[in-house]
Amino acid sequence: MGFIGIPSAMILILMIIDFRSGAHITFSIEPGYYDDVLELEIYGGGHAGNRIYYTLDGSEPNMDSALYDVNMPIVLTDATSNENVYSMRTDTSTGFQYDLVNKYSMNYPGYTVPDHKVDKCNIVRASVLDKNGKCLDTITGVYFIGFKNKPAYEGIYIASIVTDPYNLFDYETGIYTTGIAFDNMKERIPESEDENNMPY
């Protein structure tokens, strides 16, 4: 039975919501497009003992991530000037397997990594963790800074999907890498294999 005619299940749900709201966090600036440098703050965090950790590389925050200091806002600039990281990987396509492509493919794709700084956005992920490392709340914000004067994006709609790089590039489970499956396939290809049977 519930109190004053309210079912017990509803009371339990209200208690859970009230507990989580104490650790709720928000960004001081809404994600989106901005022309100038931003000083981003994180509001909330709940009771003493909880701490806010954040990352700027798309990974999920944990207790090894940067600890947020309320006296030091996160400064966000045009991230394009940052060093290329993911665009420099050569395990994202079999087209980078130059020896195999030359041997088995009629049309060499000529894949290369960029020789310039590619456009980038700022990805800020923050989590409230208790003293045991349990996540009580988490938020993600994507900030495109300085894109107003980049003509390539005029009239272009952009959708941003954020995931931990592990989900994309892990050797065994990443969905955006040739990975272990391709390496196993290479080991099964005999030297005398006819090029028409190469599973490219």
N, C-alpha and C. Protein backbone atom coordinates (compact mmCIF):
# COMPACT_ATOMS: atom_id res chain seq x y z
N MET A 1 0.84 -1.20 0.00
CA MET A 1 0.00 0.00 0.00
C MET A 1 0.88 1.25 0.00
N GLY A 2 0.43 2.29 -0.66
CA GLY A 2 1.15 3.56 -0.65
C GLY A 2 0.56 4.51 0.36
N PHE A 3 1.15 5.69 0.45
CA PHE A 3 0.65 6.71 1.36
C PHE A 3 -0.38 7.57 0.65
N ILE A 4 -1.49 7.86 1.34
CA ILE A 4 -2.56 8.72 0.85
C ILE A 4 -3.01 8.28 -0.54
N GLY A 5 -3.13 7.01 -0.71
CA GLY A 5 -3.65 6.48 -1.95
C GLY A 5 -2.66 6.41 -3.08
N ILE A 6 -1.36 6.72 -2.84
CA ILE A 6 -0.35 6.65 -3.89
C ILE A 6 0.30 5.28 -3.85
N PRO A 7 0.34 4.55 -4.96
CA PRO A 7 0.96 3.22 -4.98
C PRO A 7 2.42 3.28 -4.55
N SER A 8 2.89 2.22 -3.91
CA SER A 8 4.27 2.16 -3.42
C SER A 8 5.28 2.31 -4.55
N ALA A 9 4.96 1.75 -5.72
CA ALA A 9 5.88 1.84 -6.85
C ALA A 9 6.16 3.28 -7.24
N MET A 10 5.13 4.12 -7.18
CA MET A 10 5.30 5.53 -7.55
C MET A 10 6.18 6.25 -6.53
N ILE A 11 6.02 5.92 -5.27
CA ILE A 11 6.85 6.53 -4.23
C ILE A 11 8.31 6.16 -4.44
N LEU A 12 8.56 4.90 -4.79
CA LEU A 12 9.92 4.44 -5.04
C LEU A 12 10.55 5.21 -6.20
N ILE A 13 9.82 5.42 -7.27
CA ILE A 13 10.32 6.16 -8.42
C ILE A 13 10.66 7.59 -8.04
N LEU A 14 9.80 8.23 -7.26
CA LEU A 14 10.04 9.60 -6.83
C LEU A 14 11.29 9.69 -5.96
N MET A 15 11.52 8.71 -5.13
CA MET A 15 12.70 8.69 -4.28
C MET A 15 13.97 8.57 -5.11
N ILE A 16 13.95 7.76 -6.16
CA ILE A 16 15.11 7.59 -7.03
C ILE A 16 15.41 8.90 -7.76
N ILE A 17 14.41 9.55 -8.28
CA ILE A 17 14.61 10.81 -8.98
C ILE A 17 15.19 11.86 -8.05
N ASP A 18 14.67 11.93 -6.84
CA ASP A 18 15.16 12.91 -5.88
C ASP A 18 16.62 12.64 -5.51
N PHE A 19 16.99 11.38 -5.40
CA PHE A 19 18.38 11.02 -5.07
C PHE A 19 19.33 11.44 -6.17
N ARG A 20 18.96 11.17 -7.42
CA ARG A 20 19.84 11.49 -8.54
C ARG A 20 19.94 12.99 -8.77
N SER A 21 18.88 13.75 -8.48
CA SER A 21 18.90 15.18 -8.76
C SER A 21 19.96 15.89 -7.93
N GLY A 22 20.36 15.31 -6.80
CA GLY A 22 21.38 15.93 -5.97
C GLY A 22 22.75 15.92 -6.63
N ALA A 23 22.98 15.06 -7.59
CA ALA A 23 24.26 14.97 -8.27
C ALA A 23 24.19 15.50 -9.70
N HIS A 24 23.11 16.14 -10.06
CA HIS A 24 22.90 16.61 -11.43
C HIS A 24 23.92 17.69 -11.79
N ILE A 25 24.45 17.62 -13.02
CA ILE A 25 25.39 18.64 -13.49
C ILE A 25 24.93 19.20 -14.83
N THR A 26 25.33 20.42 -15.11
CA THR A 26 25.02 21.08 -16.38
C THR A 26 26.22 21.93 -16.80
N PHE A 27 26.30 22.21 -18.09
CA PHE A 27 27.31 23.12 -18.59
C PHE A 27 26.81 24.55 -18.49
N SER A 28 27.71 25.48 -18.30
CA SER A 28 27.32 26.89 -18.21
C SER A 28 26.97 27.47 -19.57
N ILE A 29 27.43 26.82 -20.64
CA ILE A 29 27.17 27.29 -22.00
C ILE A 29 26.60 26.13 -22.81
N GLU A 30 25.52 26.37 -23.51
CA GLU A 30 24.89 25.34 -24.32
C GLU A 30 25.82 24.91 -25.46
N PRO A 31 25.87 23.61 -25.77
CA PRO A 31 26.64 23.17 -26.94
C PRO A 31 26.13 23.85 -28.20
N GLY A 32 27.02 24.03 -29.18
CA GLY A 32 26.61 24.65 -30.43
C GLY A 32 27.78 25.32 -31.13
N TYR A 33 27.46 26.35 -31.93
CA TYR A 33 28.44 27.06 -32.74
C TYR A 33 28.77 28.40 -32.09
N TYR A 34 30.05 28.69 -32.01
CA TYR A 34 30.49 29.95 -31.41
C TYR A 34 31.68 30.50 -32.19
N ASP A 35 31.80 31.82 -32.19
CA ASP A 35 32.87 32.47 -32.95
C ASP A 35 34.13 32.66 -32.12
N ASP A 36 33.96 32.84 -30.81
CA ASP A 36 35.09 33.21 -29.98
C ASP A 36 35.41 32.15 -28.93
N VAL A 37 36.54 32.33 -28.28
CA VAL A 37 36.98 31.44 -27.20
C VAL A 37 35.93 31.39 -26.10
N LEU A 38 35.70 30.19 -25.56
CA LEU A 38 34.73 30.01 -24.48
C LEU A 38 35.42 29.62 -23.19
N GLU A 39 34.86 30.07 -22.09
CA GLU A 39 35.27 29.60 -20.77
C GLU A 39 34.10 28.82 -20.19
N LEU A 40 34.20 27.52 -20.25
CA LEU A 40 33.10 26.63 -19.91
C LEU A 40 33.20 26.21 -18.44
N GLU A 41 32.08 26.35 -17.73
CA GLU A 41 32.01 25.91 -16.35
C GLU A 41 31.02 24.75 -16.23
N ILE A 42 31.16 23.99 -15.18
CA ILE A 42 30.24 22.89 -14.90
C ILE A 42 29.55 23.18 -13.58
N TYR A 43 28.23 23.23 -13.63
CA TYR A 43 27.46 23.54 -12.43
C TYR A 43 26.91 22.26 -11.81
N GLY A 44 26.80 22.27 -10.51
CA GLY A 44 26.20 21.14 -9.79
C GLY A 44 27.25 20.17 -9.31
N GLY A 45 26.82 18.96 -9.06
CA GLY A 45 27.74 17.93 -8.60
C GLY A 45 27.30 17.26 -7.33
N GLY A 46 26.35 17.89 -6.63
CA GLY A 46 25.78 17.19 -5.48
C GLY A 46 26.56 17.36 -4.20
N HIS A 47 26.51 16.34 -3.40
CA HIS A 47 26.99 16.40 -2.03
C HIS A 47 28.50 16.27 -1.95
N ALA A 48 29.03 16.63 -0.77
CA ALA A 48 30.47 16.50 -0.54
C ALA A 48 30.88 15.03 -0.69
N GLY A 49 32.05 14.82 -1.24
CA GLY A 49 32.51 13.46 -1.48
C GLY A 49 32.40 13.08 -2.94
N ASN A 50 31.45 13.71 -3.66
CA ASN A 50 31.35 13.49 -5.11
C ASN A 50 32.34 14.41 -5.81
N ARG A 51 32.88 13.95 -6.92
CA ARG A 51 33.80 14.78 -7.70
C ARG A 51 33.41 14.73 -9.17
N ILE A 52 33.74 15.80 -9.88
CA ILE A 52 33.45 15.89 -11.30
C ILE A 52 34.75 15.67 -12.08
N TYR A 53 34.71 14.72 -12.98
CA TYR A 53 35.84 14.44 -13.86
C TYR A 53 35.40 14.72 -15.30
N TYR A 54 36.35 15.13 -16.14
CA TYR A 54 35.98 15.44 -17.52
C TYR A 54 37.06 15.00 -18.49
N THR A 55 36.66 14.85 -19.75
CA THR A 55 37.59 14.53 -20.83
C THR A 55 37.33 15.45 -22.01
N LEU A 56 38.33 15.59 -22.87
CA LEU A 56 38.21 16.41 -24.08
C LEU A 56 38.50 15.60 -25.34
N ASP A 57 38.62 14.28 -25.21
CA ASP A 57 38.94 13.43 -26.36
C ASP A 57 37.81 12.48 -26.75
N GLY A 58 36.63 12.68 -26.17
CA GLY A 58 35.51 11.82 -26.51
C GLY A 58 35.35 10.61 -25.62
N SER A 59 36.35 10.31 -24.80
CA SER A 59 36.26 9.13 -23.94
C SER A 59 35.36 9.39 -22.75
N GLU A 60 34.84 8.32 -22.17
CA GLU A 60 33.97 8.45 -21.01
C GLU A 60 34.82 8.75 -19.77
N PRO A 61 34.46 9.77 -19.00
CA PRO A 61 35.28 10.14 -17.83
C PRO A 61 35.29 9.04 -16.77
N ASN A 62 36.43 8.90 -16.12
CA ASN A 62 36.56 8.01 -14.97
C ASN A 62 37.50 8.68 -13.97
N MET A 63 37.88 7.97 -12.94
CA MET A 63 38.68 8.58 -11.88
C MET A 63 40.12 8.87 -12.32
N ASP A 64 40.51 8.41 -13.50
CA ASP A 64 41.82 8.74 -14.05
C ASP A 64 41.77 9.96 -14.96
N SER A 65 40.58 10.47 -15.21
CA SER A 65 40.42 11.63 -16.09
C SER A 65 40.74 12.91 -15.33
N ALA A 66 40.70 14.05 -16.05
CA ALA A 66 40.98 15.34 -15.43
C ALA A 66 39.92 15.67 -14.38
N LEU A 67 40.37 16.13 -13.22
CA LEU A 67 39.46 16.52 -12.15
C LEU A 67 39.06 17.97 -12.35
N TYR A 68 37.75 18.23 -12.37
CA TYR A 68 37.27 19.59 -12.61
C TYR A 68 37.48 20.45 -11.37
N ASP A 69 38.01 21.66 -11.59
CA ASP A 69 38.23 22.63 -10.53
C ASP A 69 37.28 23.80 -10.77
N VAL A 70 36.40 24.06 -9.80
CA VAL A 70 35.40 25.12 -9.97
C VAL A 70 36.05 26.50 -10.16
N ASN A 71 37.29 26.64 -9.79
CA ASN A 71 37.98 27.92 -9.93
C ASN A 71 38.74 28.04 -11.26
N MET A 72 38.69 26.99 -12.07
CA MET A 72 39.40 27.00 -13.35
C MET A 72 38.48 26.53 -14.47
N PRO A 73 37.79 27.45 -15.14
CA PRO A 73 36.93 27.06 -16.26
C PRO A 73 37.71 26.33 -17.35
N ILE A 74 37.01 25.51 -18.11
CA ILE A 74 37.60 24.79 -19.24
C ILE A 74 37.63 25.74 -20.43
N VAL A 75 38.81 26.06 -20.92
CA VAL A 75 38.95 27.01 -22.03
C VAL A 75 38.87 26.26 -23.34
N LEU A 76 37.93 26.69 -24.19
CA LEU A 76 37.72 26.05 -25.49
C LEU A 76 38.03 27.04 -26.60
N THR A 77 38.88 26.63 -27.53
CA THR A 77 39.23 27.45 -28.69
C THR A 77 38.90 26.67 -29.96
N ASP A 78 39.24 27.24 -31.10
CA ASP A 78 39.08 26.51 -32.36
C ASP A 78 40.01 25.31 -32.33
N ALA A 79 39.44 24.12 -32.23
CA ALA A 79 40.22 22.89 -32.05
C ALA A 79 40.97 22.47 -33.31
N THR A 80 40.74 23.15 -34.41
CA THR A 80 41.41 22.78 -35.66
C THR A 80 42.93 22.88 -35.53
N SER A 81 43.40 23.77 -34.67
CA SER A 81 44.84 23.93 -34.50
C SER A 81 45.47 22.79 -33.71
N ASN A 82 44.65 21.94 -33.09
CA ASN A 82 45.18 20.78 -32.37
C ASN A 82 45.78 19.78 -33.35
N GLU A 83 46.70 18.97 -32.85
CA GLU A 83 47.31 17.95 -33.70
C GLU A 83 46.26 16.95 -34.18
N ASN A 84 46.41 16.49 -35.41
CA ASN A 84 45.54 15.42 -35.92
C ASN A 84 45.80 14.14 -35.15
N VAL A 85 44.75 13.45 -34.79
CA VAL A 85 44.90 12.18 -34.07
C VAL A 85 44.21 11.07 -34.85
N TYR A 86 42.90 11.09 -34.88
CA TYR A 86 42.16 9.99 -35.51
C TYR A 86 42.31 9.99 -37.03
N SER A 87 42.46 11.16 -37.64
CA SER A 87 42.61 11.21 -39.10
C SER A 87 43.97 10.68 -39.55
N MET A 88 44.88 10.48 -38.62
CA MET A 88 46.21 9.98 -38.97
C MET A 88 46.30 8.45 -38.88
N ARG A 89 45.26 7.81 -38.45
CA ARG A 89 45.30 6.36 -38.30
C ARG A 89 45.28 5.69 -39.68
N THR A 90 46.02 4.60 -39.79
CA THR A 90 46.05 3.86 -41.06
C THR A 90 45.46 2.46 -40.90
N ASP A 91 44.78 2.22 -39.77
CA ASP A 91 44.13 0.93 -39.57
C ASP A 91 42.63 1.02 -39.78
N THR A 92 42.19 2.09 -40.44
CA THR A 92 40.76 2.29 -40.65
C THR A 92 40.27 1.77 -41.99
N SER A 93 41.18 1.38 -42.86
CA SER A 93 40.80 0.87 -44.17
C SER A 93 41.88 -0.06 -44.72
N THR A 94 41.46 -1.06 -45.45
CA THR A 94 42.42 -1.94 -46.11
C THR A 94 43.18 -1.20 -47.21
N GLY A 95 42.70 -0.04 -47.59
CA GLY A 95 43.39 0.75 -48.61
C GLY A 95 44.76 1.21 -48.18
N PHE A 96 45.02 1.19 -46.86
CA PHE A 96 46.34 1.56 -46.37
C PHE A 96 47.31 0.38 -46.37
N GLN A 97 46.82 -0.80 -46.70
CA GLN A 97 47.68 -1.99 -46.78
C GLN A 97 48.35 -2.01 -48.16
N TYR A 98 49.34 -1.14 -48.35
CA TYR A 98 49.89 -0.87 -49.67
C TYR A 98 50.40 -2.12 -50.39
N ASP A 99 51.12 -2.96 -49.69
CA ASP A 99 51.68 -4.15 -50.33
C ASP A 99 50.57 -5.08 -50.84
N LEU A 100 49.55 -5.29 -50.02
CA LEU A 100 48.46 -6.18 -50.43
C LEU A 100 47.63 -5.56 -51.54
N VAL A 101 47.42 -4.26 -51.47
CA VAL A 101 46.64 -3.60 -52.52
C VAL A 101 47.37 -3.70 -53.86
N ASN A 102 48.67 -3.46 -53.84
CA ASN A 102 49.44 -3.55 -55.08
C ASN A 102 49.40 -4.95 -55.66
N LYS A 103 49.36 -5.94 -54.79
CA LYS A 103 49.42 -7.33 -55.25
C LYS A 103 48.07 -7.84 -55.74
N TYR A 104 46.99 -7.44 -55.08
CA TYR A 104 45.70 -8.06 -55.36
C TYR A 104 44.66 -7.15 -56.00
N SER A 105 44.87 -5.85 -55.98
CA SER A 105 43.82 -4.95 -56.46
C SER A 105 44.18 -4.36 -57.81
N MET A 106 43.20 -4.32 -58.71
CA MET A 106 43.41 -3.72 -60.01
C MET A 106 43.39 -2.20 -59.92
N ASN A 107 42.63 -1.66 -58.96
CA ASN A 107 42.49 -0.22 -58.82
C ASN A 107 43.09 0.23 -57.49
N TYR A 108 44.30 0.72 -57.53
CA TYR A 108 44.96 1.17 -56.31
C TYR A 108 44.33 2.47 -55.83
N PRO A 109 43.77 2.48 -54.61
CA PRO A 109 43.04 3.67 -54.15
C PRO A 109 43.93 4.83 -53.76
N GLY A 110 45.21 4.58 -53.46
CA GLY A 110 46.10 5.67 -53.12
C GLY A 110 45.74 6.37 -51.82
N TYR A 111 45.30 5.62 -50.83
CA TYR A 111 44.92 6.23 -49.56
C TYR A 111 46.13 6.88 -48.89
N THR A 112 45.93 8.08 -48.35
CA THR A 112 46.97 8.77 -47.59
C THR A 112 46.32 9.46 -46.38
N VAL A 113 47.13 9.79 -45.41
CA VAL A 113 46.65 10.58 -44.28
C VAL A 113 46.80 12.05 -44.65
N PRO A 114 46.04 12.94 -44.04
CA PRO A 114 46.11 14.36 -44.41
C PRO A 114 47.46 14.98 -44.08
N ASP A 115 47.87 15.93 -44.91
CA ASP A 115 49.13 16.63 -44.68
C ASP A 115 48.89 18.04 -44.12
N HIS A 116 47.68 18.23 -43.58
CA HIS A 116 47.31 19.52 -43.00
C HIS A 116 46.43 19.28 -41.77
N LYS A 117 46.22 20.31 -41.00
CA LYS A 117 45.35 20.20 -39.83
C LYS A 117 43.89 20.15 -40.30
N VAL A 118 43.21 19.06 -39.98
CA VAL A 118 41.80 18.93 -40.38
C VAL A 118 40.91 19.68 -39.40
N ASP A 119 39.73 20.08 -39.85
CA ASP A 119 38.80 20.78 -38.98
C ASP A 119 38.36 19.87 -37.84
N LYS A 120 38.24 20.45 -36.65
CA LYS A 120 37.85 19.68 -35.48
C LYS A 120 36.92 20.49 -34.60
N CYS A 121 36.14 19.79 -33.81
CA CYS A 121 35.30 20.44 -32.81
C CYS A 121 35.79 20.06 -31.43
N ASN A 122 35.25 20.71 -30.41
CA ASN A 122 35.57 20.39 -29.03
C ASN A 122 34.49 19.47 -28.45
N ILE A 123 34.91 18.33 -27.91
CA ILE A 123 33.98 17.41 -27.26
C ILE A 123 34.30 17.40 -25.78
N VAL A 124 33.34 17.82 -24.98
CA VAL A 124 33.51 17.86 -23.53
C VAL A 124 32.55 16.86 -22.91
N ARG A 125 33.09 15.90 -22.18
CA ARG A 125 32.28 14.93 -21.46
C ARG A 125 32.62 15.04 -19.98
N ALA A 126 31.60 15.13 -19.15
CA ALA A 126 31.81 15.28 -17.71
C ALA A 126 30.92 14.32 -16.96
N SER A 127 31.45 13.79 -15.86
CA SER A 127 30.69 12.84 -15.03
C SER A 127 30.90 13.15 -13.56
N VAL A 128 29.84 12.97 -12.79
CA VAL A 128 29.94 13.05 -11.33
C VAL A 128 30.18 11.64 -10.82
N LEU A 129 31.28 11.45 -10.10
CA LEU A 129 31.61 10.14 -9.55
C LEU A 129 31.65 10.23 -8.03
N ASP A 130 31.11 9.21 -7.38
CA ASP A 130 31.22 9.18 -5.93
C ASP A 130 32.59 8.63 -5.53
N LYS A 131 32.83 8.49 -4.23
CA LYS A 131 34.15 8.09 -3.76
C LYS A 131 34.56 6.70 -4.21
N ASN A 132 33.56 5.89 -4.64
CA ASN A 132 33.86 4.54 -5.13
C ASN A 132 33.98 4.47 -6.65
N GLY A 133 33.84 5.62 -7.31
CA GLY A 133 33.94 5.65 -8.76
C GLY A 133 32.64 5.40 -9.49
N LYS A 134 31.53 5.30 -8.76
CA LYS A 134 30.23 5.09 -9.39
C LYS A 134 29.75 6.38 -10.02
N CYS A 135 29.29 6.29 -11.28
CA CYS A 135 28.82 7.47 -12.00
C CYS A 135 27.39 7.81 -11.55
N LEU A 136 27.20 9.05 -11.09
CA LEU A 136 25.89 9.50 -10.63
C LEU A 136 25.17 10.35 -11.68
N ASP A 137 25.94 10.99 -12.53
CA ASP A 137 25.35 11.77 -13.62
C ASP A 137 26.44 12.04 -14.65
N THR A 138 26.06 12.18 -15.90
CA THR A 138 27.04 12.44 -16.95
C THR A 138 26.43 13.31 -18.03
N ILE A 139 27.22 14.17 -18.63
CA ILE A 139 26.76 15.05 -19.70
C ILE A 139 27.83 15.13 -20.78
N THR A 140 27.40 15.46 -21.99
CA THR A 140 28.30 15.62 -23.13
C THR A 140 27.92 16.88 -23.89
N GLY A 141 28.92 17.65 -24.28
CA GLY A 141 28.67 18.84 -25.08
C GLY A 141 29.64 18.91 -26.24
N VAL A 142 29.14 19.32 -27.40
CA VAL A 142 29.99 19.46 -28.60
C VAL A 142 29.98 20.93 -29.01
N TYR A 143 31.17 21.51 -29.11
CA TYR A 143 31.29 22.94 -29.37
C TYR A 143 32.12 23.17 -30.64
N PHE A 144 31.47 23.77 -31.64
CA PHE A 144 32.14 24.13 -32.90
C PHE A 144 32.52 25.61 -32.78
N ILE A 145 33.81 25.87 -32.72
CA ILE A 145 34.28 27.24 -32.53
C ILE A 145 35.06 27.69 -33.76
N GLY A 146 34.69 28.86 -34.27
CA GLY A 146 35.40 29.42 -35.41
C GLY A 146 34.97 28.88 -36.76
N PHE A 147 33.83 28.21 -36.83
CA PHE A 147 33.38 27.63 -38.09
C PHE A 147 32.65 28.65 -38.97
N LYS A 148 32.32 29.79 -38.42
CA LYS A 148 31.56 30.79 -39.18
C LYS A 148 32.30 31.25 -40.42
N ASN A 149 33.61 31.35 -40.33
CA ASN A 149 34.41 31.86 -41.45
C ASN A 149 35.01 30.75 -42.31
N LYS A 150 34.52 29.54 -42.15
CA LYS A 150 35.01 28.43 -42.96
C LYS A 150 33.99 28.16 -44.07
N PRO A 151 34.30 28.58 -45.31
CA PRO A 151 33.31 28.53 -46.39
C PRO A 151 32.82 27.13 -46.73
N ALA A 152 33.61 26.10 -46.43
CA ALA A 152 33.21 24.74 -46.80
C ALA A 152 31.93 24.29 -46.10
N TYR A 153 31.54 24.98 -45.01
CA TYR A 153 30.38 24.55 -44.24
C TYR A 153 29.15 25.40 -44.48
N GLU A 154 29.24 26.33 -45.40
CA GLU A 154 28.10 27.21 -45.68
C GLU A 154 26.94 26.39 -46.25
N GLY A 155 25.79 26.48 -45.60
CA GLY A 155 24.61 25.77 -46.04
C GLY A 155 24.62 24.29 -45.73
N ILE A 156 25.55 23.85 -44.91
CA ILE A 156 25.68 22.43 -44.58
C ILE A 156 25.11 22.16 -43.20
N TYR A 157 24.27 21.14 -43.10
CA TYR A 157 23.78 20.70 -41.80
C TYR A 157 24.76 19.69 -41.22
N ILE A 158 25.04 19.80 -39.94
CA ILE A 158 26.00 18.90 -39.31
C ILE A 158 25.33 18.17 -38.16
N ALA A 159 25.46 16.85 -38.15
CA ALA A 159 24.98 16.03 -37.04
C ALA A 159 26.20 15.49 -36.31
N SER A 160 26.20 15.62 -35.00
CA SER A 160 27.33 15.16 -34.20
C SER A 160 26.92 13.98 -33.34
N ILE A 161 27.64 12.88 -33.48
CA ILE A 161 27.41 11.69 -32.67
C ILE A 161 28.69 11.41 -31.89
N VAL A 162 28.59 11.30 -30.59
CA VAL A 162 29.76 11.13 -29.73
C VAL A 162 29.78 9.71 -29.17
N THR A 163 30.95 9.08 -29.25
CA THR A 163 31.15 7.78 -28.62
C THR A 163 32.59 7.69 -28.15
N ASP A 164 32.85 6.82 -27.22
CA ASP A 164 34.21 6.62 -26.75
C ASP A 164 35.06 6.09 -27.90
N PRO A 165 36.26 6.63 -28.11
CA PRO A 165 37.14 6.14 -29.19
C PRO A 165 37.36 4.63 -29.14
N TYR A 166 37.28 4.05 -27.97
CA TYR A 166 37.43 2.61 -27.81
C TYR A 166 36.44 1.86 -28.69
N ASN A 167 35.21 2.39 -28.78
CA ASN A 167 34.18 1.72 -29.58
C ASN A 167 34.49 1.76 -31.07
N LEU A 168 35.32 2.69 -31.49
CA LEU A 168 35.67 2.82 -32.90
C LEU A 168 36.98 2.12 -33.24
N PHE A 169 37.97 2.23 -32.37
CA PHE A 169 39.32 1.84 -32.74
C PHE A 169 39.93 0.69 -31.95
N ASP A 170 39.19 0.09 -31.05
CA ASP A 170 39.74 -1.05 -30.34
C ASP A 170 40.09 -2.16 -31.32
N TYR A 171 41.24 -2.79 -31.14
CA TYR A 171 41.74 -3.79 -32.09
C TYR A 171 40.80 -4.97 -32.27
N GLU A 172 40.11 -5.38 -31.21
CA GLU A 172 39.25 -6.56 -31.29
C GLU A 172 37.78 -6.22 -31.52
N THR A 173 37.30 -5.10 -31.01
CA THR A 173 35.86 -4.81 -31.10
C THR A 173 35.52 -3.50 -31.79
N GLY A 174 36.51 -2.69 -32.16
CA GLY A 174 36.23 -1.41 -32.78
C GLY A 174 35.55 -1.57 -34.14
N ILE A 175 34.56 -0.71 -34.40
CA ILE A 175 33.79 -0.83 -35.65
C ILE A 175 34.37 0.01 -36.78
N TYR A 176 35.44 0.77 -36.51
CA TYR A 176 36.01 1.63 -37.54
C TYR A 176 37.49 1.31 -37.76
N THR A 177 37.83 0.03 -37.63
CA THR A 177 39.21 -0.39 -37.83
C THR A 177 39.23 -1.76 -38.49
N THR A 178 40.28 -2.02 -39.26
CA THR A 178 40.39 -3.34 -39.87
C THR A 178 40.55 -4.41 -38.79
N GLY A 179 41.39 -4.13 -37.80
CA GLY A 179 41.45 -4.94 -36.60
C GLY A 179 41.83 -6.39 -36.75
N ILE A 180 41.46 -7.16 -35.74
CA ILE A 180 41.88 -8.56 -35.64
C ILE A 180 41.27 -9.42 -36.73
N ALA A 181 40.06 -9.10 -37.16
CA ALA A 181 39.40 -9.91 -38.19
C ALA A 181 40.20 -9.86 -39.50
N PHE A 182 40.66 -8.67 -39.87
CA PHE A 182 41.43 -8.52 -41.10
C PHE A 182 42.79 -9.19 -40.98
N ASP A 183 43.43 -9.01 -39.82
CA ASP A 183 44.74 -9.65 -39.63
C ASP A 183 44.64 -11.17 -39.69
N ASN A 184 43.58 -11.72 -39.13
CA ASN A 184 43.37 -13.17 -39.21
C ASN A 184 43.15 -13.61 -40.65
N MET A 185 42.44 -12.80 -41.42
CA MET A 185 42.18 -13.11 -42.82
C MET A 185 43.50 -13.12 -43.61
N LYS A 186 44.38 -12.15 -43.33
CA LYS A 186 45.66 -12.09 -44.04
C LYS A 186 46.49 -13.35 -43.81
N GLU A 187 46.43 -13.87 -42.61
CA GLU A 187 47.21 -15.07 -42.28
C GLU A 187 46.70 -16.30 -43.03
N ARG A 188 45.44 -16.28 -43.45
CA ARG A 188 44.87 -17.44 -44.14
C ARG A 188 45.03 -17.37 -45.65
N ILE A 189 45.58 -16.28 -46.15
CA ILE A 189 45.74 -16.12 -47.59
C ILE A 189 47.09 -16.71 -48.02
N PRO A 190 47.10 -17.79 -48.76
CA PRO A 190 48.37 -18.38 -49.21
C PRO A 190 49.05 -17.48 -50.23
N GLU A 191 50.34 -17.58 -50.31
CA GLU A 191 51.11 -16.74 -51.22
C GLU A 191 50.68 -16.94 -52.68
N SER A 192 50.22 -18.16 -53.02
CA SER A 192 49.87 -18.47 -54.39
C SER A 192 48.42 -18.13 -54.72
N GLU A 193 47.71 -17.50 -53.78
CA GLU A 193 46.28 -17.22 -53.98
C GLU A 193 46.09 -16.37 -55.24
N ASP A 194 45.13 -16.78 -56.04
CA ASP A 194 44.83 -16.01 -57.24
C ASP A 194 44.22 -14.67 -56.84
N GLU A 195 44.61 -13.61 -57.55
CA GLU A 195 44.17 -12.27 -57.17
C GLU A 195 42.66 -12.11 -57.26
N ASN A 196 42.00 -12.90 -58.08
CA ASN A 196 40.55 -12.76 -58.21
C ASN A 196 39.81 -13.30 -56.97
N ASN A 197 40.50 -14.06 -56.16
CA ASN A 197 39.88 -14.60 -54.96
C ASN A 197 40.20 -13.79 -53.71
N MET A 198 40.98 -12.75 -53.85
CA MET A 198 41.33 -11.92 -52.70
C MET A 198 40.09 -11.21 -52.19
N PRO A 199 39.71 -11.42 -50.93
CA PRO A 199 38.47 -10.82 -50.40
C PRO A 199 38.63 -9.37 -50.01
N TYR A 200 38.89 -8.51 -51.01
CA TYR A 200 39.01 -7.08 -50.72
C TYR A 200 37.67 -6.41 -50.91
